[in-house]
Amino acid sequence: MADLQDKAVCPTLDEIGEYIKNSVFLKFCKRIKETYACSENIEFSSCSMEPGWNIKFKKAGKTLCTIYPREAYFTVMAVIGRKEKRT
């Protein structure tokens, strides 16, 4: 199993899925890729609040969402821009 705190070894999306152990994760990633025609960027964050590997989905240089993996669940931060926001 991948160590998501080890900066030296970048995990694959499947390894992150094995760590999370939640079938929704890979389905969510697949849906994002199909809907927005984008791919994932697995990046290491040194942020003091959320250190470790995370997954970003970007399109045209803009981040659509960032996934923070945890054991048994994951957190998604979605970016809502002016075009997506409805008032």
N, C-alpha and C. Protein backbone atom coordinates (compact mmCIF):
# COMPACT_ATOMS: atom_id res chain seq x y z
N MET A 1 0.85 -1.19 0.00
CA MET A 1 0.00 0.00 0.00
C MET A 1 0.89 1.24 0.00
N ALA A 2 0.46 2.24 -0.73
CA ALA A 2 1.22 3.49 -0.84
C ALA A 2 1.20 4.28 0.46
N ASP A 3 2.33 4.90 0.76
CA ASP A 3 2.43 5.80 1.91
C ASP A 3 2.20 7.21 1.40
N LEU A 4 1.06 7.78 1.69
CA LEU A 4 0.71 9.09 1.16
C LEU A 4 1.42 10.24 1.84
N GLN A 5 2.27 9.95 2.80
CA GLN A 5 3.09 10.98 3.43
C GLN A 5 4.53 10.96 2.91
N ASP A 6 4.88 9.93 2.12
CA ASP A 6 6.23 9.79 1.58
C ASP A 6 6.38 10.62 0.31
N LYS A 7 7.04 11.74 0.42
CA LYS A 7 7.21 12.68 -0.69
C LYS A 7 8.07 12.09 -1.82
N ALA A 8 8.89 11.11 -1.50
CA ALA A 8 9.83 10.55 -2.48
C ALA A 8 9.16 9.62 -3.49
N VAL A 9 7.98 9.08 -3.17
CA VAL A 9 7.34 8.10 -4.04
C VAL A 9 5.92 8.56 -4.39
N CYS A 10 5.73 8.92 -5.67
CA CYS A 10 4.41 9.38 -6.12
C CYS A 10 3.51 8.16 -6.37
N PRO A 11 2.39 8.08 -5.67
CA PRO A 11 1.48 6.94 -5.86
C PRO A 11 0.67 7.10 -7.15
N THR A 12 0.17 5.99 -7.66
CA THR A 12 -0.74 6.03 -8.81
C THR A 12 -2.15 6.27 -8.30
N LEU A 13 -3.06 6.55 -9.21
CA LEU A 13 -4.45 6.74 -8.84
C LEU A 13 -5.02 5.45 -8.24
N ASP A 14 -4.64 4.30 -8.81
CA ASP A 14 -5.11 3.01 -8.28
C ASP A 14 -4.57 2.76 -6.87
N GLU A 15 -3.32 3.13 -6.61
CA GLU A 15 -2.75 2.96 -5.27
C GLU A 15 -3.47 3.85 -4.26
N ILE A 16 -3.81 5.05 -4.68
CA ILE A 16 -4.57 5.93 -3.79
C ILE A 16 -5.94 5.33 -3.52
N GLY A 17 -6.55 4.75 -4.55
CA GLY A 17 -7.83 4.07 -4.38
C GLY A 17 -7.75 2.92 -3.40
N GLU A 18 -6.65 2.16 -3.44
CA GLU A 18 -6.43 1.06 -2.49
C GLU A 18 -6.30 1.60 -1.06
N TYR A 19 -5.65 2.73 -0.92
CA TYR A 19 -5.48 3.36 0.40
C TYR A 19 -6.83 3.81 0.95
N ILE A 20 -7.64 4.45 0.10
CA ILE A 20 -8.93 4.98 0.55
C ILE A 20 -9.92 3.86 0.86
N LYS A 21 -9.88 2.79 0.06
CA LYS A 21 -10.79 1.64 0.26
C LYS A 21 -12.26 2.07 0.23
N ASN A 22 -12.60 2.93 -0.74
CA ASN A 22 -13.98 3.38 -0.90
C ASN A 22 -14.26 3.36 -2.40
N SER A 23 -15.20 2.52 -2.83
CA SER A 23 -15.47 2.34 -4.26
C SER A 23 -15.93 3.61 -4.95
N VAL A 24 -16.42 4.57 -4.22
CA VAL A 24 -16.89 5.83 -4.81
C VAL A 24 -15.72 6.63 -5.38
N PHE A 25 -14.54 6.50 -4.79
CA PHE A 25 -13.39 7.30 -5.21
C PHE A 25 -13.06 7.14 -6.68
N LEU A 26 -12.81 5.92 -7.15
CA LEU A 26 -12.45 5.72 -8.55
C LEU A 26 -13.60 6.05 -9.49
N LYS A 27 -14.83 5.81 -9.05
CA LYS A 27 -15.99 6.19 -9.86
C LYS A 27 -16.07 7.71 -10.01
N PHE A 28 -15.82 8.42 -8.92
CA PHE A 28 -15.83 9.88 -8.95
C PHE A 28 -14.76 10.40 -9.91
N CYS A 29 -13.55 9.86 -9.81
CA CYS A 29 -12.45 10.29 -10.69
C CYS A 29 -12.79 10.02 -12.15
N LYS A 30 -13.34 8.86 -12.43
CA LYS A 30 -13.72 8.51 -13.81
C LYS A 30 -14.76 9.49 -14.33
N ARG A 31 -15.74 9.82 -13.53
CA ARG A 31 -16.81 10.73 -13.94
C ARG A 31 -16.29 12.13 -14.22
N ILE A 32 -15.38 12.62 -13.38
CA ILE A 32 -14.78 13.93 -13.59
C ILE A 32 -14.01 13.94 -14.92
N LYS A 33 -13.21 12.88 -15.17
CA LYS A 33 -12.43 12.82 -16.39
C LYS A 33 -13.31 12.77 -17.63
N GLU A 34 -14.39 12.00 -17.57
CA GLU A 34 -15.30 11.88 -18.71
C GLU A 34 -16.10 13.16 -18.94
N THR A 35 -16.60 13.76 -17.89
CA THR A 35 -17.45 14.94 -18.00
C THR A 35 -16.68 16.16 -18.47
N TYR A 36 -15.48 16.36 -17.95
CA TYR A 36 -14.72 17.57 -18.24
C TYR A 36 -13.53 17.36 -19.19
N ALA A 37 -13.37 16.14 -19.71
CA ALA A 37 -12.27 15.82 -20.63
C ALA A 37 -10.93 16.31 -20.09
N CYS A 38 -10.62 15.89 -18.88
CA CYS A 38 -9.38 16.29 -18.23
C CYS A 38 -8.71 15.05 -17.64
N SER A 39 -7.52 15.22 -17.12
CA SER A 39 -6.84 14.11 -16.45
C SER A 39 -6.38 14.58 -15.08
N GLU A 40 -5.98 13.61 -14.28
CA GLU A 40 -5.58 13.94 -12.91
C GLU A 40 -4.11 14.32 -12.86
N ASN A 41 -3.79 15.17 -11.91
CA ASN A 41 -2.42 15.51 -11.56
C ASN A 41 -2.25 15.13 -10.09
N ILE A 42 -1.37 14.19 -9.83
CA ILE A 42 -1.12 13.78 -8.45
C ILE A 42 0.07 14.59 -7.96
N GLU A 43 -0.17 15.38 -6.92
CA GLU A 43 0.83 16.32 -6.43
C GLU A 43 1.02 16.19 -4.93
N PHE A 44 2.24 16.45 -4.47
CA PHE A 44 2.51 16.44 -3.04
C PHE A 44 2.34 17.84 -2.48
N SER A 45 1.58 17.95 -1.44
CA SER A 45 1.36 19.23 -0.78
C SER A 45 2.12 19.25 0.55
N SER A 46 2.87 20.30 0.76
CA SER A 46 3.59 20.46 2.03
C SER A 46 2.84 21.36 2.99
N CYS A 47 1.60 21.68 2.66
CA CYS A 47 0.78 22.54 3.50
C CYS A 47 0.70 21.98 4.91
N SER A 48 0.85 22.81 5.90
CA SER A 48 0.84 22.34 7.29
C SER A 48 -0.52 21.79 7.71
N MET A 49 -1.60 22.25 7.07
CA MET A 49 -2.93 21.76 7.42
C MET A 49 -3.25 20.41 6.75
N GLU A 50 -2.77 20.19 5.52
CA GLU A 50 -3.08 18.98 4.75
C GLU A 50 -1.84 18.45 4.03
N PRO A 51 -0.80 18.03 4.76
CA PRO A 51 0.39 17.52 4.07
C PRO A 51 0.12 16.14 3.47
N GLY A 52 0.77 15.86 2.35
CA GLY A 52 0.65 14.56 1.72
C GLY A 52 0.22 14.68 0.27
N TRP A 53 0.04 13.53 -0.38
CA TRP A 53 -0.35 13.48 -1.78
C TRP A 53 -1.82 13.80 -1.94
N ASN A 54 -2.14 14.56 -2.98
CA ASN A 54 -3.53 14.83 -3.32
C ASN A 54 -3.69 14.78 -4.83
N ILE A 55 -4.91 14.81 -5.29
CA ILE A 55 -5.21 14.70 -6.71
C ILE A 55 -5.92 15.96 -7.16
N LYS A 56 -5.39 16.56 -8.23
CA LYS A 56 -6.04 17.76 -8.78
C LYS A 56 -6.50 17.44 -10.20
N PHE A 57 -7.69 17.88 -10.51
CA PHE A 57 -8.21 17.80 -11.87
C PHE A 57 -8.21 19.21 -12.42
N LYS A 58 -7.50 19.40 -13.55
CA LYS A 58 -7.37 20.73 -14.14
C LYS A 58 -7.81 20.69 -15.60
N LYS A 59 -8.34 21.81 -16.05
CA LYS A 59 -8.69 21.97 -17.45
C LYS A 59 -8.33 23.40 -17.84
N ALA A 60 -7.64 23.54 -18.98
CA ALA A 60 -7.21 24.84 -19.48
C ALA A 60 -6.44 25.63 -18.42
N GLY A 61 -5.62 24.91 -17.63
CA GLY A 61 -4.80 25.56 -16.62
C GLY A 61 -5.52 25.92 -15.33
N LYS A 62 -6.82 25.65 -15.27
CA LYS A 62 -7.59 25.98 -14.07
C LYS A 62 -7.95 24.71 -13.31
N THR A 63 -7.84 24.77 -12.00
CA THR A 63 -8.19 23.62 -11.17
C THR A 63 -9.71 23.52 -11.05
N LEU A 64 -10.24 22.34 -11.38
CA LEU A 64 -11.66 22.07 -11.23
C LEU A 64 -11.96 21.62 -9.80
N CYS A 65 -11.12 20.71 -9.30
CA CYS A 65 -11.30 20.24 -7.92
C CYS A 65 -10.00 19.59 -7.44
N THR A 66 -9.89 19.51 -6.12
CA THR A 66 -8.76 18.83 -5.48
C THR A 66 -9.33 17.79 -4.55
N ILE A 67 -8.76 16.58 -4.60
CA ILE A 67 -9.21 15.48 -3.75
C ILE A 67 -8.13 15.23 -2.70
N TYR A 68 -8.55 15.19 -1.43
CA TYR A 68 -7.67 14.90 -0.31
C TYR A 68 -8.01 13.50 0.19
N PRO A 69 -7.14 12.51 -0.06
CA PRO A 69 -7.44 11.13 0.34
C PRO A 69 -7.26 10.88 1.84
N ARG A 70 -8.14 10.07 2.37
CA ARG A 70 -8.10 9.62 3.77
C ARG A 70 -8.41 8.13 3.78
N GLU A 71 -8.15 7.47 4.88
CA GLU A 71 -8.53 6.06 4.99
C GLU A 71 -10.05 5.98 5.11
N ALA A 72 -10.66 5.24 4.20
CA ALA A 72 -12.11 4.97 4.16
C ALA A 72 -12.94 6.12 3.60
N TYR A 73 -12.36 7.28 3.33
CA TYR A 73 -13.11 8.38 2.73
C TYR A 73 -12.16 9.37 2.07
N PHE A 74 -12.72 10.34 1.37
CA PHE A 74 -11.92 11.39 0.76
C PHE A 74 -12.72 12.69 0.80
N THR A 75 -11.99 13.79 0.76
CA THR A 75 -12.61 15.11 0.77
C THR A 75 -12.35 15.76 -0.58
N VAL A 76 -13.37 16.44 -1.11
CA VAL A 76 -13.23 17.13 -2.39
C VAL A 76 -13.44 18.62 -2.18
N MET A 77 -12.49 19.41 -2.68
CA MET A 77 -12.65 20.85 -2.68
C MET A 77 -12.92 21.24 -4.14
N ALA A 78 -14.13 21.68 -4.41
CA ALA A 78 -14.51 22.09 -5.76
C ALA A 78 -14.32 23.59 -5.91
N VAL A 79 -13.82 23.98 -7.07
CA VAL A 79 -13.61 25.39 -7.35
C VAL A 79 -14.81 25.90 -8.15
N ILE A 80 -15.47 26.90 -7.62
CA ILE A 80 -16.64 27.49 -8.29
C ILE A 80 -16.26 28.89 -8.75
N GLY A 81 -16.21 29.07 -10.05
CA GLY A 81 -15.87 30.37 -10.63
C GLY A 81 -17.14 31.18 -10.93
N ARG A 82 -16.92 32.34 -11.50
CA ARG A 82 -18.07 33.20 -11.84
C ARG A 82 -19.04 32.53 -12.79
N LYS A 83 -18.51 31.82 -13.79
CA LYS A 83 -19.38 31.17 -14.77
C LYS A 83 -20.20 30.05 -14.14
N GLU A 84 -19.62 29.35 -13.17
CA GLU A 84 -20.33 28.23 -12.55
C GLU A 84 -21.32 28.70 -11.46
N LYS A 85 -21.04 29.83 -10.88
CA LYS A 85 -21.87 30.34 -9.80
C LYS A 85 -23.15 30.93 -10.35
N ARG A 86 -24.23 30.54 -9.75
CA ARG A 86 -25.54 31.11 -10.13
C ARG A 86 -26.12 31.83 -8.93
N THR A 87 -26.53 33.04 -9.14
CA THR A 87 -27.05 33.82 -8.02
C THR A 87 -28.56 33.88 -8.04
